[in-house]
PDB file of N, CA and C in Angstrom:
ATOM      1  N   MET A   1       9.206 -27.013  -2.943  1.00  0.00           N
ATOM      2  CA  MET A   1       8.840 -26.794  -4.329  1.00  0.00           C
ATOM      3  C   MET A   1       9.626 -25.593  -4.857  1.00  0.00           C
ATOM      4  N   ALA A   2      10.176 -25.729  -6.023  1.00  0.00           N
ATOM      5  CA  ALA A   2      10.984 -24.662  -6.625  1.00  0.00           C
ATOM      6  C   ALA A   2      10.100 -23.498  -7.060  1.00  0.00           C
ATOM      7  N   ARG A   3      10.697 -22.323  -7.043  1.00  0.00           N
ATOM      8  CA  ARG A   3       9.988 -21.125  -7.483  1.00  0.00           C
ATOM      9  C   ARG A   3       9.843 -21.140  -9.001  1.00  0.00           C
ATOM     10  N   LYS A   4       8.716 -20.651  -9.482  1.00  0.00           N
ATOM     11  CA  LYS A   4       8.469 -20.563 -10.920  1.00  0.00           C
ATOM     12  C   LYS A   4       9.456 -19.567 -11.538  1.00  0.00           C
ATOM     13  N   PRO A   5      10.128 -19.924 -12.644  1.00  0.00           N
ATOM     14  CA  PRO A   5      11.097 -18.999 -13.241  1.00  0.00           C
ATOM     15  C   PRO A   5      10.428 -17.701 -13.701  1.00  0.00           C
ATOM     16  N   ARG A   6      11.128 -16.614 -13.500  1.00  0.00           N
ATOM     17  CA  ARG A   6      10.604 -15.307 -13.914  1.00  0.00           C
ATOM     18  C   ARG A   6      10.959 -15.054 -15.368  1.00  0.00           C
ATOM     19  N   ASN A   7      10.030 -14.479 -16.097  1.00  0.00           N
ATOM     20  CA  ASN A   7      10.237 -14.191 -17.511  1.00  0.00           C
ATOM     21  C   ASN A   7      10.195 -12.679 -17.711  1.00  0.00           C
ATOM     22  N   PHE A   8      11.311 -12.020 -17.439  1.00  0.00           N
ATOM     23  CA  PHE A   8      11.382 -10.574 -17.614  1.00  0.00           C
ATOM     24  C   PHE A   8      11.732 -10.266 -19.061  1.00  0.00           C
ATOM     25  N   GLN A   9      11.099  -9.222 -19.612  1.00  0.00           N
ATOM     26  CA  GLN A   9      11.320  -8.870 -21.006  1.00  0.00           C
ATOM     27  C   GLN A   9      11.703  -7.404 -21.133  1.00  0.00           C
ATOM     28  N   THR A  10      12.462  -7.087 -22.176  1.00  0.00           N
ATOM     29  CA  THR A  10      12.888  -5.718 -22.447  1.00  0.00           C
ATOM     30  C   THR A  10      11.681  -4.848 -22.775  1.00  0.00           C
ATOM     31  N   GLY A  11      11.689  -3.612 -22.249  1.00  0.00           N
ATOM     32  CA  GLY A  11      10.633  -2.653 -22.558  1.00  0.00           C
ATOM     33  C   GLY A  11       9.413  -2.743 -21.662  1.00  0.00           C
ATOM     34  N   TYR A  12       9.422  -3.631 -20.686  1.00  0.00           N
ATOM     35  CA  TYR A  12       8.292  -3.769 -19.766  1.00  0.00           C
ATOM     36  C   TYR A  12       8.630  -3.134 -18.421  1.00  0.00           C
ATOM     37  N   SER A  13       7.603  -2.657 -17.724  1.00  0.00           N
ATOM     38  CA  SER A  13       7.774  -2.154 -16.360  1.00  0.00           C
ATOM     39  C   SER A  13       7.272  -3.227 -15.405  1.00  0.00           C
ATOM     40  N   TYR A  14       7.840  -3.226 -14.215  1.00  0.00           N
ATOM     41  CA  TYR A  14       7.497  -4.244 -13.232  1.00  0.00           C
ATOM     42  C   TYR A  14       7.155  -3.590 -11.902  1.00  0.00           C
ATOM     43  N   HIS A  15       6.047  -4.074 -11.308  1.00  0.00           N
ATOM     44  CA  HIS A  15       5.643  -3.628  -9.979  1.00  0.00           C
ATOM     45  C   HIS A  15       6.328  -4.547  -8.983  1.00  0.00           C
ATOM     46  N   ILE A  16       7.097  -3.943  -8.079  1.00  0.00           N
ATOM     47  CA  ILE A  16       7.892  -4.707  -7.127  1.00  0.00           C
ATOM     48  C   ILE A  16       7.548  -4.227  -5.724  1.00  0.00           C
ATOM     49  N   THR A  17       7.417  -5.172  -4.798  1.00  0.00           N
ATOM     50  CA  THR A  17       7.136  -4.843  -3.403  1.00  0.00           C
ATOM     51  C   THR A  17       8.221  -5.440  -2.525  1.00  0.00           C
ATOM     52  N   THR A  18       8.746  -4.634  -1.623  1.00  0.00           N
ATOM     53  CA  THR A  18       9.708  -5.081  -0.626  1.00  0.00           C
ATOM     54  C   THR A  18       9.127  -4.758   0.739  1.00  0.00           C
ATOM     55  N   ARG A  19       9.204  -5.721   1.646  1.00  0.00           N
ATOM     56  CA  ARG A  19       8.573  -5.552   2.950  1.00  0.00           C
ATOM     57  C   ARG A  19       9.609  -5.616   4.064  1.00  0.00           C
ATOM     58  N   CYS A  20       9.352  -4.898   5.154  1.00  0.00           N
ATOM     59  CA  CYS A  20      10.217  -4.968   6.330  1.00  0.00           C
ATOM     60  C   CYS A  20      10.128  -6.357   6.948  1.00  0.00           C
ATOM     61  N   ASN A  21      11.226  -6.771   7.565  1.00  0.00           N
ATOM     62  CA  ASN A  21      11.275  -8.064   8.222  1.00  0.00           C
ATOM     63  C   ASN A  21      10.214  -8.131   9.320  1.00  0.00           C
ATOM     64  N   ASN A  22       9.563  -9.262   9.457  1.00  0.00           N
ATOM     65  CA  ASN A  22       8.509  -9.493  10.456  1.00  0.00           C
ATOM     66  C   ASN A  22       7.341  -8.524  10.331  1.00  0.00           C
ATOM     67  N   ARG A  23       7.198  -7.902   9.192  1.00  0.00           N
ATOM     68  CA  ARG A  23       6.126  -6.928   8.934  1.00  0.00           C
ATOM     69  C   ARG A  23       6.114  -5.787   9.954  1.00  0.00           C
ATOM     70  N   GLU A  24       7.272  -5.486  10.500  1.00  0.00           N
ATOM     71  CA  GLU A  24       7.371  -4.406  11.487  1.00  0.00           C
ATOM     72  C   GLU A  24       7.275  -3.057  10.792  1.00  0.00           C
ATOM     73  N   PHE A  25       6.775  -2.060  11.515  1.00  0.00           N
ATOM     74  CA  PHE A  25       6.584  -0.714  10.980  1.00  0.00           C
ATOM     75  C   PHE A  25       7.852   0.112  11.237  1.00  0.00           C
ATOM     76  N   LYS A  26       8.863  -0.111  10.406  1.00  0.00           N
ATOM     77  CA  LYS A  26      10.164   0.525  10.613  1.00  0.00           C
ATOM     78  C   LYS A  26      10.398   1.721   9.704  1.00  0.00           C
ATOM     79  N   LEU A  27       9.500   2.008   8.804  1.00  0.00           N
ATOM     80  CA  LEU A  27       9.728   3.083   7.830  1.00  0.00           C
ATOM     81  C   LEU A  27       8.914   4.330   8.154  1.00  0.00           C
ATOM     82  N   ILE A  28       8.577   4.509   9.402  1.00  0.00           N
ATOM     83  CA  ILE A  28       7.746   5.640   9.811  1.00  0.00           C
ATOM     84  C   ILE A  28       8.552   6.939   9.842  1.00  0.00           C
ATOM     85  N   ARG A  29       9.808   6.849  10.256  1.00  0.00           N
ATOM     86  CA  ARG A  29      10.635   8.054  10.406  1.00  0.00           C
ATOM     87  C   ARG A  29      10.970   8.675   9.052  1.00  0.00           C
ATOM     88  N   ARG A  30      11.038   9.985   9.041  1.00  0.00           N
ATOM     89  CA  ARG A  30      11.364  10.726   7.815  1.00  0.00           C
ATOM     90  C   ARG A  30      12.750  10.342   7.285  1.00  0.00           C
ATOM     91  N   GLU A  31      13.692  10.113   8.195  1.00  0.00           N
ATOM     92  CA  GLU A  31      15.053   9.754   7.791  1.00  0.00           C
ATOM     93  C   GLU A  31      15.064   8.453   6.987  1.00  0.00           C
ATOM     94  N   CYS A  32      14.200   7.524   7.349  1.00  0.00           N
ATOM     95  CA  CYS A  32      14.133   6.248   6.628  1.00  0.00           C
ATOM     96  C   CYS A  32      13.677   6.465   5.193  1.00  0.00           C
ATOM     97  N   ARG A  33      12.721   7.332   5.019  1.00  0.00           N
ATOM     98  CA  ARG A  33      12.233   7.621   3.671  1.00  0.00           C
ATOM     99  C   ARG A  33      13.320   8.314   2.845  1.00  0.00           C
ATOM    100  N   GLU A  34      14.084   9.177   3.484  1.00  0.00           N
ATOM    101  CA  GLU A  34      15.174   9.860   2.784  1.00  0.00           C
ATOM    102  C   GLU A  34      16.266   8.881   2.369  1.00  0.00           C
ATOM    103  N   VAL A  35      16.517   7.866   3.187  1.00  0.00           N
ATOM    104  CA  VAL A  35      17.496   6.833   2.830  1.00  0.00           C
ATOM    105  C   VAL A  35      17.046   6.106   1.565  1.00  0.00           C
ATOM    106  N   PHE A  36      15.762   5.774   1.474  1.00  0.00           N
ATOM    107  CA  PHE A  36      15.250   5.123   0.265  1.00  0.00           C
ATOM    108  C   PHE A  36      15.465   5.999  -0.961  1.00  0.00           C
ATOM    109  N   LEU A  37      15.150   7.271  -0.844  1.00  0.00           N
ATOM    110  CA  LEU A  37      15.312   8.175  -1.989  1.00  0.00           C
ATOM    111  C   LEU A  37      16.775   8.270  -2.413  1.00  0.00           C
ATOM    112  N   TYR A  38      17.675   8.355  -1.447  1.00  0.00           N
ATOM    113  CA  TYR A  38      19.103   8.420  -1.754  1.00  0.00           C
ATOM    114  C   TYR A  38      19.572   7.110  -2.410  1.00  0.00           C
ATOM    115  N   ALA A  39      19.124   5.979  -1.880  1.00  0.00           N
ATOM    116  CA  ALA A  39      19.516   4.680  -2.439  1.00  0.00           C
ATOM    117  C   ALA A  39      19.018   4.532  -3.872  1.00  0.00           C
ATOM    118  N   ILE A  40      17.823   5.016  -4.137  1.00  0.00           N
ATOM    119  CA  ILE A  40      17.277   4.928  -5.491  1.00  0.00           C
ATOM    120  C   ILE A  40      18.092   5.776  -6.457  1.00  0.00           C
ATOM    121  N   LYS A  41      18.501   6.969  -6.035  1.00  0.00           N
ATOM    122  CA  LYS A  41      19.342   7.813  -6.892  1.00  0.00           C
ATOM    123  C   LYS A  41      20.652   7.105  -7.223  1.00  0.00           C
ATOM    124  N   LYS A  42      21.264   6.469  -6.214  1.00  0.00           N
ATOM    125  CA  LYS A  42      22.509   5.732  -6.445  1.00  0.00           C
ATOM    126  C   LYS A  42      22.283   4.558  -7.398  1.00  0.00           C
ATOM    127  N   ALA A  43      21.180   3.849  -7.212  1.00  0.00           N
ATOM    128  CA  ALA A  43      20.889   2.681  -8.054  1.00  0.00           C
ATOM    129  C   ALA A  43      20.617   3.090  -9.497  1.00  0.00           C
ATOM    130  N   ILE A  44      19.921   4.209  -9.699  1.00  0.00           N
ATOM    131  CA  ILE A  44      19.645   4.678 -11.064  1.00  0.00           C
ATOM    132  C   ILE A  44      20.949   5.020 -11.778  1.00  0.00           C
ATOM    133  N   LYS A  45      21.877   5.666 -11.068  1.00  0.00           N
ATOM    134  CA  LYS A  45      23.182   5.979 -11.672  1.00  0.00           C
ATOM    135  C   LYS A  45      23.947   4.700 -12.016  1.00  0.00           C
ATOM    136  N   LYS A  46      23.849   3.711 -11.144  1.00  0.00           N
ATOM    137  CA  LYS A  46      24.612   2.481 -11.326  1.00  0.00           C
ATOM    138  C   LYS A  46      24.010   1.564 -12.398  1.00  0.00           C
ATOM    139  N   TYR A  47      22.673   1.446 -12.448  1.00  0.00           N
ATOM    140  CA  TYR A  47      22.025   0.467 -13.328  1.00  0.00           C
ATOM    141  C   TYR A  47      21.195   1.069 -14.457  1.00  0.00           C
ATOM    142  N   ASN A  48      21.049   2.381 -14.497  1.00  0.00           N
ATOM    143  CA  ASN A  48      20.361   3.064 -15.599  1.00  0.00           C
ATOM    144  C   ASN A  48      18.964   2.490 -15.875  1.00  0.00           C
ATOM    145  N   PHE A  49      18.091   2.567 -14.885  1.00  0.00           N
ATOM    146  CA  PHE A  49      16.713   2.108 -15.065  1.00  0.00           C
ATOM    147  C   PHE A  49      15.759   3.281 -14.899  1.00  0.00           C
ATOM    148  N   LYS A  50      14.512   3.088 -15.321  1.00  0.00           N
ATOM    149  CA  LYS A  50      13.486   4.121 -15.177  1.00  0.00           C
ATOM    150  C   LYS A  50      12.610   3.775 -13.979  1.00  0.00           C
ATOM    151  N   LEU A  51      12.401   4.758 -13.111  1.00  0.00           N
ATOM    152  CA  LEU A  51      11.512   4.599 -11.966  1.00  0.00           C
ATOM    153  C   LEU A  51      10.270   5.427 -12.250  1.00  0.00           C
ATOM    154  N   TYR A  52       9.147   4.757 -12.494  1.00  0.00           N
ATOM    155  CA  TYR A  52       7.909   5.455 -12.830  1.00  0.00           C
ATOM    156  C   TYR A  52       7.103   5.825 -11.595  1.00  0.00           C
ATOM    157  N   ALA A  53       7.203   5.015 -10.551  1.00  0.00           N
ATOM    158  CA  ALA A  53       6.431   5.292  -9.336  1.00  0.00           C
ATOM    159  C   ALA A  53       7.151   4.693  -8.135  1.00  0.00           C
ATOM    160  N   LEU A  54       6.959   5.339  -7.000  1.00  0.00           N
ATOM    161  CA  LEU A  54       7.523   4.880  -5.736  1.00  0.00           C
ATOM    162  C   LEU A  54       6.523   5.220  -4.650  1.00  0.00           C
ATOM    163  N   CYS A  55       6.224   4.258  -3.805  1.00  0.00           N
ATOM    164  CA  CYS A  55       5.311   4.488  -2.689  1.00  0.00           C
ATOM    165  C   CYS A  55       5.930   3.856  -1.452  1.00  0.00           C
ATOM    166  N   ILE A  56       6.375   4.688  -0.518  1.00  0.00           N
ATOM    167  CA  ILE A  56       6.990   4.202   0.713  1.00  0.00           C
ATOM    168  C   ILE A  56       5.918   4.201   1.798  1.00  0.00           C
ATOM    169  N   MET A  57       5.536   3.018   2.230  1.00  0.00           N
ATOM    170  CA  MET A  57       4.544   2.858   3.291  1.00  0.00           C
ATOM    171  C   MET A  57       5.285   2.633   4.612  1.00  0.00           C
ATOM    172  N   SER A  58       4.563   2.432   5.688  1.00  0.00           N
ATOM    173  CA  SER A  58       5.206   2.305   6.993  1.00  0.00           C
ATOM    174  C   SER A  58       5.939   0.974   7.188  1.00  0.00           C
ATOM    175  N   ASN A  59       5.568  -0.068   6.438  1.00  0.00           N
ATOM    176  CA  ASN A  59       6.275  -1.340   6.585  1.00  0.00           C
ATOM    177  C   ASN A  59       6.623  -2.021   5.258  1.00  0.00           C
ATOM    178  N   HIS A  60       6.397  -1.341   4.148  1.00  0.00           N
ATOM    179  CA  HIS A  60       6.774  -1.899   2.848  1.00  0.00           C
ATOM    180  C   HIS A  60       6.912  -0.776   1.820  1.00  0.00           C
ATOM    181  N   VAL A  61       7.508  -1.133   0.680  1.00  0.00           N
ATOM    182  CA  VAL A  61       7.768  -0.159  -0.381  1.00  0.00           C
ATOM    183  C   VAL A  61       7.308  -0.756  -1.706  1.00  0.00           C
ATOM    184  N   HIS A  62       6.647   0.067  -2.520  1.00  0.00           N
ATOM    185  CA  HIS A  62       6.239  -0.325  -3.870  1.00  0.00           C
ATOM    186  C   HIS A  62       7.085   0.456  -4.874  1.00  0.00           C
ATOM    187  N   TYR A  63       7.575  -0.230  -5.898  1.00  0.00           N
ATOM    188  CA  TYR A  63       8.321   0.388  -6.988  1.00  0.00           C
ATOM    189  C   TYR A  63       7.638   0.027  -8.302  1.00  0.00           C
ATOM    190  N   LEU A  64       7.699   0.918  -9.264  1.00  0.00           N
ATOM    191  CA  LEU A  64       7.325   0.594 -10.643  1.00  0.00           C
ATOM    192  C   LEU A  64       8.561   0.915 -11.474  1.00  0.00           C
ATOM    193  N   ILE A  65       9.261  -0.130 -11.906  1.00  0.00           N
ATOM    194  CA  ILE A  65      10.591  -0.011 -12.513  1.00  0.00           C
ATOM    195  C   ILE A  65      10.601  -0.610 -13.911  1.00  0.00           C
ATOM    196  N   GLU A  66      11.301   0.092 -14.815  1.00  0.00           N
ATOM    197  CA  GLU A  66      11.605  -0.475 -16.133  1.00  0.00           C
ATOM    198  C   GLU A  66      13.122  -0.556 -16.247  1.00  0.00           C
ATOM    199  N   PRO A  67      13.688  -1.770 -16.154  1.00  0.00           N
ATOM    200  CA  PRO A  67      15.141  -1.900 -16.260  1.00  0.00           C
ATOM    201  C   PRO A  67      15.612  -1.733 -17.702  1.00  0.00           C
ATOM    202  N   ALA A  68      16.836  -1.257 -17.878  1.00  0.00           N
ATOM    203  CA  ALA A  68      17.406  -1.139 -19.222  1.00  0.00           C
ATOM    204  C   ALA A  68      17.547  -2.527 -19.846  1.00  0.00           C
ATOM    205  N   GLN A  69      17.972  -3.485 -19.047  1.00  0.00           N
ATOM    206  CA  GLN A  69      18.090  -4.885 -19.465  1.00  0.00           C
ATOM    207  C   GLN A  69      17.297  -5.732 -18.473  1.00  0.00           C
ATOM    208  N   PRO A  70      16.506  -6.681 -18.942  1.00  0.00           N
ATOM    209  CA  PRO A  70      15.677  -7.479 -18.032  1.00  0.00           C
ATOM    210  C   PRO A  70      16.467  -8.176 -16.927  1.00  0.00           C
ATOM    211  N   GLU A  71      17.664  -8.638 -17.257  1.00  0.00           N
ATOM    212  CA  GLU A  71      18.463  -9.349 -16.253  1.00  0.00           C
ATOM    213  C   GLU A  71      18.978  -8.425 -15.149  1.00  0.00           C
ATOM    214  N   ASP A  72      18.885  -7.114 -15.343  1.00  0.00           N
ATOM    215  CA  ASP A  72      19.330  -6.161 -14.324  1.00  0.00           C
ATOM    216  C   ASP A  72      18.342  -6.005 -13.175  1.00  0.00           C
ATOM    217  N   LEU A  73      17.115  -6.445 -13.338  1.00  0.00           N
ATOM    218  CA  LEU A  73      16.098  -6.220 -12.313  1.00  0.00           C
ATOM    219  C   LEU A  73      16.488  -6.852 -10.973  1.00  0.00           C
ATOM    220  N   ALA A  74      16.964  -8.072 -10.990  1.00  0.00           N
ATOM    221  CA  ALA A  74      17.394  -8.731  -9.752  1.00  0.00           C
ATOM    222  C   ALA A  74      18.584  -7.997  -9.136  1.00  0.00           C
ATOM    223  N   LYS A  75      19.506  -7.523  -9.969  1.00  0.00           N
ATOM    224  CA  LYS A  75      20.668  -6.780  -9.471  1.00  0.00           C
ATOM    225  C   LYS A  75      20.240  -5.460  -8.842  1.00  0.00           C
ATOM    226  N   ILE A  76      19.282  -4.784  -9.475  1.00  0.00           N
ATOM    227  CA  ILE A  76      18.773  -3.510  -8.954  1.00  0.00           C
ATOM    228  C   ILE A  76      18.167  -3.723  -7.574  1.00  0.00           C
ATOM    229  N   MET A  77      17.305  -4.729  -7.456  1.00  0.00           N
ATOM    230  CA  MET A  77      16.638  -4.964  -6.177  1.00  0.00           C
ATOM    231  C   MET A  77      17.617  -5.446  -5.114  1.00  0.00           C
ATOM    232  N   HIS A  78      18.585  -6.246  -5.514  1.00  0.00           N
ATOM    233  CA  HIS A  78      19.604  -6.683  -4.553  1.00  0.00           C
ATOM    234  C   HIS A  78      20.358  -5.469  -4.009  1.00  0.00           C
ATOM    235  N   PHE A  79      20.761  -4.572  -4.899  1.00  0.00           N
ATOM    236  CA  PHE A  79      21.479  -3.377  -4.471  1.00  0.00           C
ATOM    237  C   PHE A  79      20.612  -2.524  -3.551  1.00  0.00           C
ATOM    238  N   LEU A  80      19.364  -2.252  -3.949  1.00  0.00           N
ATOM    239  CA  LEU A  80      18.477  -1.416  -3.130  1.00  0.00           C
ATOM    240  C   LEU A  80      18.241  -2.037  -1.754  1.00  0.00           C
ATOM    241  N   ASN A  81      17.966  -3.327  -1.708  1.00  0.00           N
ATOM    242  CA  ASN A  81      17.716  -3.985  -0.426  1.00  0.00           C
ATOM    243  C   ASN A  81      18.961  -3.999   0.446  1.00  0.00           C
ATOM    244  N   TRP A  82      20.105  -4.304  -0.153  1.00  0.00           N
ATOM    245  CA  TRP A  82      21.358  -4.340   0.605  1.00  0.00           C
ATOM    246  C   TRP A  82      21.710  -2.955   1.133  1.00  0.00           C
ATOM    247  N   TYR A  83      21.686  -1.958   0.267  1.00  0.00           N
ATOM    248  CA  TYR A  83      22.113  -0.613   0.645  1.00  0.00           C
ATOM    249  C   TYR A  83      21.197  -0.008   1.708  1.00  0.00           C
ATOM    250  N   THR A  84      19.886  -0.130   1.511  1.00  0.00           N
ATOM    251  CA  THR A  84      18.965   0.450   2.496  1.00  0.00           C
ATOM    252  C   THR A  84      19.066  -0.279   3.832  1.00  0.00           C
ATOM    253  N   ALA A  85      19.188  -1.600   3.825  1.00  0.00           N
ATOM    254  CA  ALA A  85      19.321  -2.348   5.080  1.00  0.00           C
ATOM    255  C   ALA A  85      20.587  -1.938   5.821  1.00  0.00           C
ATOM    256  N   MET A  86      21.694  -1.786   5.089  1.00  0.00           N
ATOM    257  CA  MET A  86      22.946  -1.368   5.713  1.00  0.00           C
ATOM    258  C   MET A  86      22.792   0.011   6.358  1.00  0.00           C
ATOM    259  N   CYS A  87      22.189   0.950   5.630  1.00  0.00           N
ATOM    260  CA  CYS A  87      22.001   2.310   6.157  1.00  0.00           C
ATOM    261  C   CYS A  87      21.064   2.323   7.357  1.00  0.00           C
ATOM    262  N   PHE A  88      19.951   1.591   7.267  1.00  0.00           N
ATOM    263  CA  PHE A  88      18.989   1.563   8.377  1.00  0.00           C
ATOM    264  C   PHE A  88      19.609   0.946   9.620  1.00  0.00           C
ATOM    265  N   ASN A  89      20.341  -0.143   9.456  1.00  0.00           N
ATOM    266  CA  ASN A  89      20.955  -0.784  10.611  1.00  0.00           C
ATOM    267  C   ASN A  89      21.965   0.139  11.278  1.00  0.00           C
ATOM    268  N   ARG A  90      22.728   0.878  10.502  1.00  0.00           N
ATOM    269  CA  ARG A  90      23.666   1.842  11.087  1.00  0.00           C
ATOM    270  C   ARG A  90      22.924   2.978  11.780  1.00  0.00           C
ATOM    271  N   MET A  91      21.904   3.502  11.113  1.00  0.00           N
ATOM    272  CA  MET A  91      21.150   4.635  11.641  1.00  0.00           C
ATOM    273  C   MET A  91      20.415   4.260  12.932  1.00  0.00           C
ATOM    274  N   LEU A  92      19.857   3.061  12.981  1.00  0.00           N
ATOM    275  CA  LEU A  92      19.067   2.632  14.134  1.00  0.00           C
ATOM    276  C   LEU A  92      19.897   1.848  15.150  1.00  0.00           C
ATOM    277  N   LYS A  93      21.215   1.749  14.888  1.00  0.00           N
ATOM    278  CA  LYS A  93      22.147   1.050  15.776  1.00  0.00           C
ATOM    279  C   LYS A  93      21.656  -0.369  16.093  1.00  0.00           C
ATOM    280  N   ARG A  94      21.436  -1.122  15.025  1.00  0.00           N
ATOM    281  CA  ARG A  94      20.962  -2.485  15.171  1.00  0.00           C
ATOM    282  C   ARG A  94      21.702  -3.387  14.194  1.00  0.00           C
ATOM    283  N   THR A  95      21.512  -4.691  14.322  1.00  0.00           N
ATOM    284  CA  THR A  95      22.096  -5.655  13.393  1.00  0.00           C
ATOM    285  C   THR A  95      21.003  -6.613  12.934  1.00  0.00           C
ATOM    286  N   GLY A  96      21.315  -7.407  11.949  1.00  0.00           N
ATOM    287  CA  GLY A  96      20.375  -8.418  11.477  1.00  0.00           C
ATOM    288  C   GLY A  96      19.596  -7.972  10.262  1.00  0.00           C
ATOM    289  N   HIS A  97      18.608  -8.776   9.918  1.00  0.00           N
ATOM    290  CA  HIS A  97      17.787  -8.505   8.738  1.00  0.00           C
ATOM    291  C   HIS A  97      16.916  -7.281   8.974  1.00  0.00           C
ATOM    292  N   PHE A  98      16.805  -6.455   7.968  1.00  0.00           N
ATOM    293  CA  PHE A  98      15.905  -5.299   8.033  1.00  0.00           C
ATOM    294  C   PHE A  98      14.729  -5.503   7.092  1.00  0.00           C
ATOM    295  N   LEU A  99      15.033  -5.957   5.888  1.00  0.00           N
ATOM    296  CA  LEU A  99      13.993  -6.208   4.890  1.00  0.00           C
ATOM    297  C   LEU A  99      13.812  -7.706   4.720  1.00  0.00           C
ATOM    298  N   LEU A 100      12.602  -8.104   4.393  1.00  0.00           N
ATOM    299  CA  LEU A 100      12.304  -9.507   4.154  1.00  0.00           C
ATOM    300  C   LEU A 100      13.118  -9.987   2.960  1.00  0.00           C
ATOM    301  N   GLY A 101      13.665 -11.181   3.039  1.00  0.00           N
ATOM    302  CA  GLY A 101      14.512 -11.700   1.978  1.00  0.00           C
ATOM    303  C   GLY A 101      13.816 -11.866   0.638  1.00  0.00           C
ATOM    304  N   LYS A 102      12.509 -12.086   0.655  1.00  0.00           N
ATOM    305  CA  LYS A 102      11.767 -12.333  -0.580  1.00  0.00           C
ATOM    306  C   LYS A 102      11.204 -11.020  -1.119  1.00  0.00           C
ATOM    307  N   THR A 103      11.517 -10.717  -2.367  1.00  0.00           N
ATOM    308  CA  THR A 103      10.980  -9.539  -3.050  1.00  0.00           C
ATOM    309  C   THR A 103       9.891 -10.010  -3.995  1.00  0.00           C
ATOM    310  N   LEU A 104       8.753  -9.332  -3.984  1.00  0.00           N
ATOM    311  CA  LEU A 104       7.622  -9.737  -4.818  1.00  0.00           C
ATOM    312  C   LEU A 104       7.635  -8.977  -6.131  1.00  0.00           C
ATOM    313  N   PHE A 105       7.689  -9.703  -7.245  1.00  0.00           N
ATOM    314  CA  PHE A 105       7.654  -9.123  -8.583  1.00  0.00           C
ATOM    315  C   PHE A 105       6.291  -9.408  -9.195  1.00  0.00           C
ATOM    316  N   CYS A 106       5.653  -8.389  -9.756  1.00  0.00           N
ATOM    317  CA  CYS A 106       4.364  -8.582 -10.444  1.00  0.00           C
ATOM    318  C   CYS A 106       4.485  -8.146 -11.887  1.00  0.00           C
TER     319      CYS A 106
END
């Protein structure tokens, strides 16, 4: 069954959740949290969005984001997921998926 199309609109904020692959607790280390903060700074410079809230848990992350353009939301999350996964895999000397492929938008 196809996914229901998302209807993002200008001027709205969106609650987004990204989870670690296999629900593993990989975000416990302080360095992992610092990677998220650095990635968010890079993404804000690149996509010019507002971050109202961020909550980094041990196996998932919550964002409250208002994109400048609604169509940028998918690009923002793609960049954040790609960049953090690349950094974590290098830091932890591992390969493969780090974050779950599906991002939850509310």
